[in-house]
Amino acid sequence: MDLPFYGQLDNNRKAFYIRAFNRLIDLEAVNLKELEQMIEQKRVVLHLFAKMYGFKDQRTINKSVELDNLLNTYLRRKIHQQHGPTA
């Protein structure tokens, strides 16, 4: 994935955008479309962390876990929407 804009940002601006995205979000109030957008944004952040710190760095691993959590939330909601609540 090519992110030409990212190379133009200084480290302070990069950190600002990463912190802004990582604020606590009430996922119960977020609809599926918004969740999809959050997943894509988190995926970009994960990619940036992997480029900056490497795949084995704990910060990158933490971002991967955050993305996994968003994906799990999305899938649970999608299944619930299609099939109704499970017992």
N, C-alpha and C. Protein backbone atom coordinates (compact mmCIF):
# COMPACT_ATOMS: atom_id res chain seq x y z
N MET A 1 0.84 -1.17 0.00
CA MET A 1 0.00 0.00 0.00
C MET A 1 0.89 1.24 0.00
N ASP A 2 0.58 2.18 -0.85
CA ASP A 2 1.36 3.41 -0.96
C ASP A 2 0.67 4.52 -0.19
N LEU A 3 1.39 5.17 0.70
CA LEU A 3 0.86 6.28 1.49
C LEU A 3 1.74 7.50 1.30
N PRO A 4 1.67 8.15 0.14
CA PRO A 4 2.59 9.26 -0.15
C PRO A 4 2.44 10.43 0.81
N PHE A 5 1.23 10.69 1.30
CA PHE A 5 1.01 11.81 2.21
C PHE A 5 1.74 11.62 3.53
N TYR A 6 1.89 10.38 3.96
CA TYR A 6 2.45 10.11 5.27
C TYR A 6 3.90 10.55 5.37
N GLY A 7 4.65 10.37 4.31
CA GLY A 7 6.05 10.77 4.31
C GLY A 7 6.24 12.27 4.43
N GLN A 8 5.20 13.03 4.13
CA GLN A 8 5.29 14.49 4.18
C GLN A 8 4.99 15.05 5.57
N LEU A 9 4.53 14.21 6.48
CA LEU A 9 4.19 14.66 7.82
C LEU A 9 5.40 14.54 8.74
N ASP A 10 5.54 15.52 9.64
CA ASP A 10 6.61 15.38 10.64
C ASP A 10 6.14 14.43 11.74
N ASN A 11 7.06 14.00 12.58
CA ASN A 11 6.73 13.01 13.61
C ASN A 11 5.66 13.49 14.59
N ASN A 12 5.67 14.78 14.92
CA ASN A 12 4.65 15.31 15.83
C ASN A 12 3.26 15.21 15.21
N ARG A 13 3.15 15.52 13.93
CA ARG A 13 1.86 15.45 13.24
C ARG A 13 1.41 14.00 13.11
N LYS A 14 2.35 13.09 12.83
CA LYS A 14 2.02 11.66 12.75
C LYS A 14 1.47 11.19 14.08
N ALA A 15 2.16 11.55 15.16
CA ALA A 15 1.73 11.14 16.50
C ALA A 15 0.37 11.72 16.83
N PHE A 16 0.13 12.96 16.42
CA PHE A 16 -1.18 13.59 16.66
C PHE A 16 -2.29 12.79 16.02
N TYR A 17 -2.13 12.44 14.75
CA TYR A 17 -3.18 11.68 14.05
C TYR A 17 -3.37 10.30 14.65
N ILE A 18 -2.30 9.67 15.05
CA ILE A 18 -2.41 8.34 15.65
C ILE A 18 -3.13 8.43 16.99
N ARG A 19 -2.78 9.43 17.82
CA ARG A 19 -3.46 9.58 19.11
C ARG A 19 -4.93 9.92 18.92
N ALA A 20 -5.22 10.78 17.97
CA ALA A 20 -6.61 11.17 17.73
C ALA A 20 -7.45 9.96 17.36
N PHE A 21 -6.90 9.08 16.56
CA PHE A 21 -7.65 7.89 16.15
C PHE A 21 -7.83 6.91 17.30
N ASN A 22 -6.88 6.88 18.20
CA ASN A 22 -6.89 5.88 19.26
C ASN A 22 -7.70 6.28 20.49
N ARG A 23 -8.38 7.42 20.44
CA ARG A 23 -9.22 7.79 21.58
C ARG A 23 -10.28 6.72 21.82
N LEU A 24 -10.68 6.62 23.05
CA LEU A 24 -11.71 5.63 23.38
C LEU A 24 -13.00 5.97 22.64
N ILE A 25 -13.59 4.95 22.06
CA ILE A 25 -14.80 5.12 21.28
C ILE A 25 -15.85 4.15 21.81
N ASP A 26 -17.06 4.64 21.99
CA ASP A 26 -18.15 3.77 22.42
C ASP A 26 -18.65 3.01 21.19
N LEU A 27 -18.20 1.78 21.03
CA LEU A 27 -18.52 1.01 19.84
C LEU A 27 -20.00 0.64 19.75
N GLU A 28 -20.69 0.65 20.87
CA GLU A 28 -22.12 0.33 20.83
C GLU A 28 -22.91 1.40 20.08
N ALA A 29 -22.41 2.62 20.06
CA ALA A 29 -23.11 3.72 19.41
C ALA A 29 -22.70 3.88 17.94
N VAL A 30 -21.82 3.03 17.46
CA VAL A 30 -21.29 3.16 16.10
C VAL A 30 -22.03 2.19 15.18
N ASN A 31 -22.50 2.69 14.02
CA ASN A 31 -23.18 1.80 13.09
C ASN A 31 -22.17 1.02 12.25
N LEU A 32 -22.64 0.07 11.46
CA LEU A 32 -21.74 -0.80 10.70
C LEU A 32 -20.89 -0.02 9.71
N LYS A 33 -21.46 0.97 9.06
CA LYS A 33 -20.70 1.75 8.08
C LYS A 33 -19.56 2.49 8.77
N GLU A 34 -19.83 3.07 9.92
CA GLU A 34 -18.79 3.76 10.68
C GLU A 34 -17.72 2.77 11.15
N LEU A 35 -18.17 1.59 11.55
CA LEU A 35 -17.22 0.56 11.98
C LEU A 35 -16.31 0.16 10.82
N GLU A 36 -16.87 0.06 9.62
CA GLU A 36 -16.06 -0.26 8.44
C GLU A 36 -14.99 0.81 8.22
N GLN A 37 -15.38 2.07 8.39
CA GLN A 37 -14.42 3.17 8.23
C GLN A 37 -13.34 3.12 9.31
N MET A 38 -13.74 2.81 10.53
CA MET A 38 -12.78 2.69 11.62
C MET A 38 -11.80 1.55 11.36
N ILE A 39 -12.31 0.45 10.83
CA ILE A 39 -11.45 -0.69 10.51
C ILE A 39 -10.42 -0.29 9.47
N GLU A 40 -10.86 0.41 8.45
CA GLU A 40 -9.92 0.83 7.39
C GLU A 40 -8.88 1.80 7.96
N GLN A 41 -9.31 2.73 8.80
CA GLN A 41 -8.36 3.67 9.40
C GLN A 41 -7.37 2.94 10.30
N LYS A 42 -7.86 2.01 11.09
CA LYS A 42 -6.98 1.26 11.98
C LYS A 42 -6.00 0.42 11.18
N ARG A 43 -6.46 -0.11 10.04
CA ARG A 43 -5.58 -0.88 9.17
C ARG A 43 -4.44 -0.01 8.64
N VAL A 44 -4.75 1.23 8.28
CA VAL A 44 -3.72 2.16 7.81
C VAL A 44 -2.73 2.46 8.94
N VAL A 45 -3.25 2.69 10.15
CA VAL A 45 -2.38 2.97 11.30
C VAL A 45 -1.47 1.77 11.57
N LEU A 46 -2.04 0.57 11.51
CA LEU A 46 -1.24 -0.64 11.71
C LEU A 46 -0.12 -0.71 10.67
N HIS A 47 -0.46 -0.43 9.43
CA HIS A 47 0.55 -0.46 8.36
C HIS A 47 1.66 0.56 8.65
N LEU A 48 1.28 1.75 9.10
CA LEU A 48 2.26 2.79 9.41
C LEU A 48 3.16 2.36 10.57
N PHE A 49 2.58 1.78 11.60
CA PHE A 49 3.38 1.31 12.72
C PHE A 49 4.35 0.22 12.27
N ALA A 50 3.88 -0.68 11.42
CA ALA A 50 4.76 -1.75 10.93
C ALA A 50 5.93 -1.16 10.15
N LYS A 51 5.67 -0.12 9.37
CA LYS A 51 6.75 0.52 8.61
C LYS A 51 7.71 1.27 9.54
N MET A 52 7.15 1.92 10.57
CA MET A 52 7.99 2.74 11.46
C MET A 52 8.76 1.89 12.46
N TYR A 53 8.12 0.85 13.02
CA TYR A 53 8.71 0.12 14.13
C TYR A 53 9.03 -1.34 13.84
N GLY A 54 8.50 -1.86 12.75
CA GLY A 54 8.69 -3.27 12.43
C GLY A 54 7.53 -4.11 12.94
N PHE A 55 7.39 -5.29 12.39
CA PHE A 55 6.25 -6.16 12.71
C PHE A 55 6.32 -6.75 14.11
N LYS A 56 7.50 -6.89 14.68
CA LYS A 56 7.64 -7.54 15.98
C LYS A 56 7.61 -6.56 17.15
N ASP A 57 7.58 -5.28 16.86
CA ASP A 57 7.57 -4.27 17.92
C ASP A 57 6.24 -4.33 18.68
N GLN A 58 6.28 -4.16 19.99
CA GLN A 58 5.07 -4.27 20.81
C GLN A 58 4.01 -3.24 20.40
N ARG A 59 4.43 -2.05 19.99
CA ARG A 59 3.46 -1.03 19.56
C ARG A 59 2.69 -1.50 18.34
N THR A 60 3.38 -2.15 17.42
CA THR A 60 2.72 -2.68 16.23
C THR A 60 1.78 -3.82 16.60
N ILE A 61 2.23 -4.68 17.48
CA ILE A 61 1.40 -5.80 17.93
C ILE A 61 0.14 -5.26 18.62
N ASN A 62 0.28 -4.22 19.42
CA ASN A 62 -0.89 -3.62 20.08
C ASN A 62 -1.89 -3.10 19.06
N LYS A 63 -1.41 -2.47 18.00
CA LYS A 63 -2.31 -1.97 16.95
C LYS A 63 -3.00 -3.13 16.24
N SER A 64 -2.29 -4.22 16.07
CA SER A 64 -2.88 -5.40 15.44
C SER A 64 -4.01 -5.96 16.31
N VAL A 65 -3.80 -5.98 17.61
CA VAL A 65 -4.84 -6.45 18.54
C VAL A 65 -6.05 -5.52 18.48
N GLU A 66 -5.81 -4.22 18.42
CA GLU A 66 -6.91 -3.26 18.32
C GLU A 66 -7.72 -3.49 17.05
N LEU A 67 -7.02 -3.73 15.94
CA LEU A 67 -7.71 -4.02 14.68
C LEU A 67 -8.50 -5.31 14.80
N ASP A 68 -7.91 -6.33 15.40
CA ASP A 68 -8.63 -7.60 15.61
C ASP A 68 -9.91 -7.37 16.40
N ASN A 69 -9.85 -6.55 17.43
CA ASN A 69 -11.03 -6.27 18.25
C ASN A 69 -12.12 -5.58 17.44
N LEU A 70 -11.72 -4.63 16.61
CA LEU A 70 -12.70 -3.96 15.74
C LEU A 70 -13.33 -4.95 14.77
N LEU A 71 -12.50 -5.80 14.18
CA LEU A 71 -13.02 -6.80 13.24
C LEU A 71 -13.98 -7.76 13.92
N ASN A 72 -13.63 -8.21 15.12
CA ASN A 72 -14.52 -9.10 15.86
C ASN A 72 -15.84 -8.43 16.19
N THR A 73 -15.79 -7.17 16.60
CA THR A 73 -17.02 -6.42 16.88
C THR A 73 -17.87 -6.31 15.63
N TYR A 74 -17.23 -5.99 14.52
CA TYR A 74 -17.95 -5.86 13.25
C TYR A 74 -18.62 -7.17 12.86
N LEU A 75 -17.88 -8.26 12.94
CA LEU A 75 -18.43 -9.56 12.55
C LEU A 75 -19.58 -9.98 13.46
N ARG A 76 -19.45 -9.76 14.77
CA ARG A 76 -20.53 -10.09 15.69
C ARG A 76 -21.79 -9.29 15.35
N ARG A 77 -21.61 -8.00 15.07
CA ARG A 77 -22.75 -7.16 14.72
C ARG A 77 -23.40 -7.59 13.40
N LYS A 78 -22.55 -7.91 12.44
CA LYS A 78 -23.05 -8.32 11.13
C LYS A 78 -23.86 -9.62 11.25
N ILE A 79 -23.34 -10.57 11.99
CA ILE A 79 -24.05 -11.84 12.20
C ILE A 79 -25.35 -11.59 12.95
N HIS A 80 -25.30 -10.76 13.97
CA HIS A 80 -26.49 -10.44 14.74
C HIS A 80 -27.55 -9.78 13.86
N GLN A 81 -27.11 -8.90 12.98
CA GLN A 81 -28.02 -8.19 12.07
C GLN A 81 -28.67 -9.16 11.09
N GLN A 82 -27.92 -10.14 10.60
CA GLN A 82 -28.43 -11.06 9.60
C GLN A 82 -29.26 -12.18 10.20
N HIS A 83 -28.89 -12.65 11.39
CA HIS A 83 -29.52 -13.85 11.95
C HIS A 83 -30.25 -13.61 13.26
N GLY A 84 -30.18 -12.42 13.79
CA GLY A 84 -30.80 -12.15 15.06
C GLY A 84 -29.91 -12.59 16.20
N PRO A 85 -30.33 -12.29 17.43
CA PRO A 85 -29.49 -12.66 18.60
C PRO A 85 -29.41 -14.17 18.76
N THR A 86 -28.28 -14.62 19.26
CA THR A 86 -28.10 -16.05 19.52
C THR A 86 -28.36 -16.32 20.98
N ALA A 87 -28.66 -17.55 21.29
CA ALA A 87 -28.98 -17.91 22.68
C ALA A 87 -27.74 -17.96 23.52
